[in-house]
Amino acid sequence: MNNEFFRNKVMGLVKWVLPFYLLTFLPLSVSAQKFALVDMEYILKNIPAYERANEQLSQVSKQWQAEVDALTTEAQTLYKNYQNEVVFLSKEQKKAKQDAIVEKEKQAADLKKQYFGPEGELFKKRNALMNPIQDEIYNAIKDISEARGYQLVLDRASDTGIIFGSPKIDISNEVLRKLGY
């Protein structure tokens, strides 16, 4: 009976202390977290230098793709000519034509890799043009975050986990103002 009395006292105390603790201290820890949202797509669309860089990348990409396509067309033409002439060619001539076709295809593949590969010219050019813009945006967001005490800034454009974000916590326009746009 003594154990039951003690247990009832502890349970009664828990029933009063736990809600008091939750109501008193939990709001303090939740309110200490400050965060904001930015819309990088919106910010980038409003930066003329970004649009110019994209246009420049598009033009250079089309030019390089035309060069790759020209080599590919040459290889296809060599192959068609080979198919038309194969019955008239000696073994050595067949081998030479096949080697020429393979070499032209290899040149096209190598050029494509040089321009469009993971460490290709387009990647390097994109980094050279876009990194300064991205760094400028990052620094503006960082300055605003430090001034306002944000611990976290999320990009609503790229984070599919955000279902709703209040416009009150979106600092995209403030970032653009800080950048001078």
C-alpha atoms as a PDB file:
ATOM      1  CA  MET A   1       0.000   0.000   0.000  1.00  0.00           C
ATOM      2  CA  ASN A   2       2.910   2.310   0.750  1.00  0.00           C
ATOM      3  CA  ASN A   3       4.333   1.732  -2.771  1.00  0.00           C
ATOM      4  CA  GLU A   4       0.974   2.512  -4.333  1.00  0.00           C
ATOM      5  CA  PHE A   5       0.703   5.742  -2.327  1.00  0.00           C
ATOM      6  CA  PHE A   6       4.197   6.764  -3.441  1.00  0.00           C
ATOM      7  CA  ARG A   7       3.416   5.897  -7.075  1.00  0.00           C
ATOM      8  CA  ASN A   8       0.222   7.970  -7.032  1.00  0.00           C
ATOM      9  CA  LYS A   9       2.135  10.957  -5.609  1.00  0.00           C
ATOM     10  CA  VAL A  10       4.818  10.712  -8.333  1.00  0.00           C
ATOM     11  CA  MET A  11       2.208  10.373 -11.070  1.00  0.00           C
ATOM     12  CA  GLY A  12       0.304  13.364  -9.735  1.00  0.00           C
ATOM     13  CA  LEU A  13       3.505  15.371  -9.634  1.00  0.00           C
ATOM     14  CA  VAL A  14       4.377  14.345 -13.206  1.00  0.00           C
ATOM     15  CA  LYS A  15       0.890  15.367 -14.369  1.00  0.00           C
ATOM     16  CA  TRP A  16       1.538  18.910 -13.078  1.00  0.00           C
ATOM     17  CA  VAL A  17       5.276  19.333 -13.663  1.00  0.00           C
ATOM     18  CA  LEU A  18       5.453  17.998 -17.245  1.00  0.00           C
ATOM     19  CA  PRO A  19       2.843  20.398 -18.698  1.00  0.00           C
ATOM     20  CA  PHE A  20       4.398  23.264 -16.721  1.00  0.00           C
ATOM     21  CA  TYR A  21       7.833  22.411 -18.124  1.00  0.00           C
ATOM     22  CA  LEU A  22       6.533  22.084 -21.677  1.00  0.00           C
ATOM     23  CA  LEU A  23       4.600  25.352 -21.532  1.00  0.00           C
ATOM     24  CA  THR A  24       7.444  27.257 -19.896  1.00  0.00           C
ATOM     25  CA  PHE A  25      10.649  26.071 -21.551  1.00  0.00           C
ATOM     26  CA  LEU A  26       9.671  24.626 -24.945  1.00  0.00           C
ATOM     27  CA  PRO A  27       8.615  27.988 -26.454  1.00  0.00           C
ATOM     28  CA  LEU A  28      12.006  29.438 -25.509  1.00  0.00           C
ATOM     29  CA  SER A  29      13.911  26.822 -27.471  1.00  0.00           C
ATOM     30  CA  VAL A  30      11.581  27.027 -30.479  1.00  0.00           C
ATOM     31  CA  SER A  31      11.649  30.813 -30.703  1.00  0.00           C
ATOM     32  CA  ALA A  32      15.442  30.849 -30.642  1.00  0.00           C
ATOM     33  CA  GLN A  33      15.502  29.339 -34.136  1.00  0.00           C
ATOM     34  CA  LYS A  34      15.172  31.936 -36.912  1.00  0.00           C
ATOM     35  CA  PHE A  35      15.018  31.052 -40.563  1.00  0.00           C
ATOM     36  CA  ALA A  36      14.150  32.603 -43.901  1.00  0.00           C
ATOM     37  CA  LEU A  37      13.376  31.616 -47.463  1.00  0.00           C
ATOM     38  CA  VAL A  38      14.816  32.829 -50.746  1.00  0.00           C
ATOM     39  CA  ASP A  39      13.710  32.064 -54.289  1.00  0.00           C
ATOM     40  CA  MET A  40      16.917  31.662 -56.287  1.00  0.00           C
ATOM     41  CA  GLU A  41      15.059  31.383 -59.606  1.00  0.00           C
ATOM     42  CA  TYR A  42      13.363  34.719 -58.940  1.00  0.00           C
ATOM     43  CA  ILE A  43      16.633  36.341 -57.869  1.00  0.00           C
ATOM     44  CA  LEU A  44      18.554  35.049 -60.891  1.00  0.00           C
ATOM     45  CA  LYS A  45      15.812  36.137 -63.332  1.00  0.00           C
ATOM     46  CA  ASN A  46      16.170  39.680 -62.004  1.00  0.00           C
ATOM     47  CA  ILE A  47      19.951  39.862 -62.450  1.00  0.00           C
ATOM     48  CA  PRO A  48      20.847  41.023 -65.994  1.00  0.00           C
ATOM     49  CA  ALA A  49      24.401  39.639 -65.748  1.00  0.00           C
ATOM     50  CA  TYR A  50      22.947  36.161 -65.203  1.00  0.00           C
ATOM     51  CA  GLU A  51      20.764  36.445 -68.302  1.00  0.00           C
ATOM     52  CA  ARG A  52      23.744  37.676 -70.364  1.00  0.00           C
ATOM     53  CA  ALA A  53      25.890  34.787 -69.095  1.00  0.00           C
ATOM     54  CA  ASN A  54      23.175  32.288 -69.997  1.00  0.00           C
ATOM     55  CA  GLU A  55      22.891  33.756 -73.493  1.00  0.00           C
ATOM     56  CA  GLN A  56      26.664  33.616 -73.928  1.00  0.00           C
ATOM     57  CA  LEU A  57      26.719  29.984 -72.786  1.00  0.00           C
ATOM     58  CA  SER A  58      23.887  29.147 -75.160  1.00  0.00           C
ATOM     59  CA  GLN A  59      25.677  30.688 -78.143  1.00  0.00           C
ATOM     60  CA  VAL A  60      28.988  29.003 -77.406  1.00  0.00           C
ATOM     61  CA  SER A  61      27.206  25.701 -76.820  1.00  0.00           C
ATOM     62  CA  LYS A  62      25.459  25.920 -80.207  1.00  0.00           C
ATOM     63  CA  GLN A  63      28.769  26.728 -81.919  1.00  0.00           C
ATOM     64  CA  TRP A  64      30.536  23.792 -80.289  1.00  0.00           C
ATOM     65  CA  GLN A  65      27.619  21.454 -81.004  1.00  0.00           C
ATOM     66  CA  ALA A  66      27.815  22.465 -84.692  1.00  0.00           C
ATOM     67  CA  GLU A  67      31.505  21.474 -84.727  1.00  0.00           C
ATOM     68  CA  VAL A  68      30.702  18.088 -83.173  1.00  0.00           C
ATOM     69  CA  ASP A  69      27.797  17.575 -85.582  1.00  0.00           C
ATOM     70  CA  ALA A  70      30.054  18.394 -88.566  1.00  0.00           C
ATOM     71  CA  LEU A  71      32.513  15.672 -87.533  1.00  0.00           C
ATOM     72  CA  THR A  72      29.679  13.215 -86.948  1.00  0.00           C
ATOM     73  CA  THR A  73      28.259  13.985 -90.393  1.00  0.00           C
ATOM     74  CA  GLU A  74      31.693  13.441 -91.951  1.00  0.00           C
ATOM     75  CA  ALA A  75      31.908  10.043 -90.245  1.00  0.00           C
ATOM     76  CA  GLN A  76      28.421   9.127 -91.490  1.00  0.00           C
ATOM     77  CA  THR A  77      29.330  10.214 -95.025  1.00  0.00           C
ATOM     78  CA  LEU A  78      32.505   8.137 -94.928  1.00  0.00           C
ATOM     79  CA  TYR A  79      30.471   5.147 -93.756  1.00  0.00           C
ATOM     80  CA  LYS A  80      27.843   5.549 -96.512  1.00  0.00           C
ATOM     81  CA  ASN A  81      30.558   5.855 -99.141  1.00  0.00           C
ATOM     82  CA  TYR A  82      32.240   2.775 -97.706  1.00  0.00           C
ATOM     83  CA  GLN A  83      28.986   0.790 -97.898  1.00  0.00           C
ATOM     84  CA  ASN A  84      28.529   1.809-101.543  1.00  0.00           C
ATOM     85  CA  GLU A  85      32.103   0.877-102.489  1.00  0.00           C
ATOM     86  CA  VAL A  86      32.742  -2.140-100.256  1.00  0.00           C
ATOM     87  CA  VAL A  87      32.244  -4.719-103.011  1.00  0.00           C
ATOM     88  CA  PHE A  88      34.856  -3.022-105.217  1.00  0.00           C
ATOM     89  CA  LEU A  89      37.533  -2.597-102.545  1.00  0.00           C
ATOM     90  CA  SER A  90      40.489  -4.808-101.779  1.00  0.00           C
ATOM     91  CA  LYS A  91      41.073  -6.064 -98.279  1.00  0.00           C
ATOM     92  CA  GLU A  92      43.670  -3.348 -97.616  1.00  0.00           C
ATOM     93  CA  GLN A  93      41.381  -0.611 -98.955  1.00  0.00           C
ATOM     94  CA  LYS A  94      38.509  -1.868 -96.773  1.00  0.00           C
ATOM     95  CA  LYS A  95      40.753  -1.781 -93.730  1.00  0.00           C
ATOM     96  CA  ALA A  96      41.948   1.745 -94.542  1.00  0.00           C
ATOM     97  CA  LYS A  97      38.387   3.028 -95.038  1.00  0.00           C
ATOM     98  CA  GLN A  98      37.179   1.341 -91.839  1.00  0.00           C
ATOM     99  CA  ASP A  99      40.079   2.878 -89.917  1.00  0.00           C
ATOM    100  CA  ALA A 100      39.249   6.310 -91.376  1.00  0.00           C
ATOM    101  CA  ILE A 101      35.612   5.955 -90.297  1.00  0.00           C
ATOM    102  CA  VAL A 102      36.578   4.832 -86.791  1.00  0.00           C
ATOM    103  CA  GLU A 103      39.092   7.685 -86.519  1.00  0.00           C
ATOM    104  CA  LYS A 104      36.498  10.273 -87.570  1.00  0.00           C
ATOM    105  CA  GLU A 105      33.976   8.872 -85.051  1.00  0.00           C
ATOM    106  CA  LYS A 106      36.663   8.981 -82.375  1.00  0.00           C
ATOM    107  CA  GLN A 107      37.462  12.601 -83.252  1.00  0.00           C
ATOM    108  CA  ALA A 108      33.761  13.501 -82.913  1.00  0.00           C
ATOM    109  CA  ALA A 109      33.490  11.694 -79.562  1.00  0.00           C
ATOM    110  CA  ASP A 110      36.694  13.298 -78.257  1.00  0.00           C
ATOM    111  CA  LEU A 111      35.557  16.765 -79.328  1.00  0.00           C
ATOM    112  CA  LYS A 112      32.180  16.227 -77.683  1.00  0.00           C
ATOM    113  CA  LYS A 113      33.898  15.151 -74.471  1.00  0.00           C
ATOM    114  CA  GLN A 114      36.303  18.116 -74.669  1.00  0.00           C
ATOM    115  CA  TYR A 115      33.427  20.584 -74.994  1.00  0.00           C
ATOM    116  CA  PHE A 116      30.570  18.977 -73.088  1.00  0.00           C
ATOM    117  CA  GLY A 117      32.182  16.432 -70.748  1.00  0.00           C
ATOM    118  CA  PRO A 118      32.077  16.680 -66.938  1.00  0.00           C
ATOM    119  CA  GLU A 119      35.300  18.719 -66.908  1.00  0.00           C
ATOM    120  CA  GLY A 120      34.825  20.112 -70.413  1.00  0.00           C
ATOM    121  CA  GLU A 121      35.044  23.613 -71.805  1.00  0.00           C
ATOM    122  CA  LEU A 122      31.331  24.330 -71.257  1.00  0.00           C
ATOM    123  CA  PHE A 123      31.624  23.359 -67.585  1.00  0.00           C
ATOM    124  CA  LYS A 124      34.674  25.608 -67.159  1.00  0.00           C
ATOM    125  CA  LYS A 125      33.035  28.506 -68.991  1.00  0.00           C
ATOM    126  CA  ARG A 126      29.838  28.120 -66.942  1.00  0.00           C
ATOM    127  CA  ASN A 127      31.866  28.218 -63.732  1.00  0.00           C
ATOM    128  CA  ALA A 128      33.825  31.256 -64.898  1.00  0.00           C
ATOM    129  CA  LEU A 129      30.638  33.156 -65.756  1.00  0.00           C
ATOM    130  CA  MET A 130      28.291  31.971 -63.002  1.00  0.00           C
ATOM    131  CA  ASN A 131      30.514  31.632 -59.934  1.00  0.00           C
ATOM    132  CA  PRO A 132      31.021  35.392 -59.460  1.00  0.00           C
ATOM    133  CA  ILE A 133      27.234  35.939 -59.650  1.00  0.00           C
ATOM    134  CA  GLN A 134      26.535  33.072 -57.261  1.00  0.00           C
ATOM    135  CA  ASP A 135      29.218  34.288 -54.852  1.00  0.00           C
ATOM    136  CA  GLU A 136      27.718  37.776 -54.875  1.00  0.00           C
ATOM    137  CA  ILE A 137      24.257  36.361 -54.101  1.00  0.00           C
ATOM    138  CA  TYR A 138      25.658  34.111 -51.381  1.00  0.00           C
ATOM    139  CA  ASN A 139      27.444  37.032 -49.729  1.00  0.00           C
ATOM    140  CA  ALA A 140      24.289  39.173 -49.828  1.00  0.00           C
ATOM    141  CA  ILE A 141      22.251  36.370 -48.235  1.00  0.00           C
ATOM    142  CA  LYS A 142      24.973  35.823 -45.646  1.00  0.00           C
ATOM    143  CA  ASP A 143      25.075  39.544 -44.755  1.00  0.00           C
ATOM    144  CA  ILE A 144      21.290  39.720 -44.393  1.00  0.00           C
ATOM    145  CA  SER A 145      21.253  36.510 -42.343  1.00  0.00           C
ATOM    146  CA  GLU A 146      23.931  37.746 -39.975  1.00  0.00           C
ATOM    147  CA  ALA A 147      22.216  41.118 -39.576  1.00  0.00           C
ATOM    148  CA  ARG A 148      18.851  39.535 -38.801  1.00  0.00           C
ATOM    149  CA  GLY A 149      20.122  36.530 -36.860  1.00  0.00           C
ATOM    150  CA  TYR A 150      18.933  33.784 -39.227  1.00  0.00           C
ATOM    151  CA  GLN A 151      20.452  30.390 -38.532  1.00  0.00           C
ATOM    152  CA  LEU A 152      19.017  28.846 -41.695  1.00  0.00           C
ATOM    153  CA  VAL A 153      18.048  30.136 -45.139  1.00  0.00           C
ATOM    154  CA  LEU A 154      16.274  27.723 -47.480  1.00  0.00           C
ATOM    155  CA  ASP A 155      15.882  28.023 -51.242  1.00  0.00           C
ATOM    156  CA  ARG A 156      12.213  27.551 -52.011  1.00  0.00           C
ATOM    157  CA  ALA A 157      12.995  27.051 -55.704  1.00  0.00           C
ATOM    158  CA  SER A 158      15.164  23.972 -55.226  1.00  0.00           C
ATOM    159  CA  ASP A 159      13.864  22.380 -52.046  1.00  0.00           C
ATOM    160  CA  THR A 160      10.940  20.157 -52.895  1.00  0.00           C
ATOM    161  CA  GLY A 161      10.351  19.581 -49.172  1.00  0.00           C
ATOM    162  CA  ILE A 162       8.836  23.041 -48.715  1.00  0.00           C
ATOM    163  CA  ILE A 163       5.093  22.817 -49.153  1.00  0.00           C
ATOM    164  CA  PHE A 164       4.271  26.323 -47.954  1.00  0.00           C
ATOM    165  CA  GLY A 165       6.412  29.272 -47.008  1.00  0.00           C
ATOM    166  CA  SER A 166       4.979  32.498 -45.701  1.00  0.00           C
ATOM    167  CA  PRO A 167       5.857  35.536 -47.832  1.00  0.00           C
ATOM    168  CA  LYS A 168       6.772  37.250 -44.553  1.00  0.00           C
ATOM    169  CA  ILE A 169       9.940  35.141 -44.271  1.00  0.00           C
ATOM    170  CA  ASP A 170      10.928  35.377 -47.970  1.00  0.00           C
ATOM    171  CA  ILE A 171      13.959  37.674 -48.249  1.00  0.00           C
ATOM    172  CA  SER A 172      14.401  37.420 -52.053  1.00  0.00           C
ATOM    173  CA  ASN A 173      13.526  41.074 -52.717  1.00  0.00           C
ATOM    174  CA  GLU A 174      15.821  42.184 -49.920  1.00  0.00           C
ATOM    175  CA  VAL A 175      18.671  40.184 -51.489  1.00  0.00           C
ATOM    176  CA  LEU A 176      18.008  41.899 -54.834  1.00  0.00           C
ATOM    177  CA  ARG A 177      18.011  45.323 -53.166  1.00  0.00           C
ATOM    178  CA  LYS A 178      21.302  44.524 -51.437  1.00  0.00           C
ATOM    179  CA  LEU A 179      22.745  43.535 -54.819  1.00  0.00           C
ATOM    180  CA  GLY A 180      21.526  46.802 -56.325  1.00  0.00           C
ATOM    181  CA  TYR A 181      18.704  45.480 -58.506  1.00  0.00           C
END
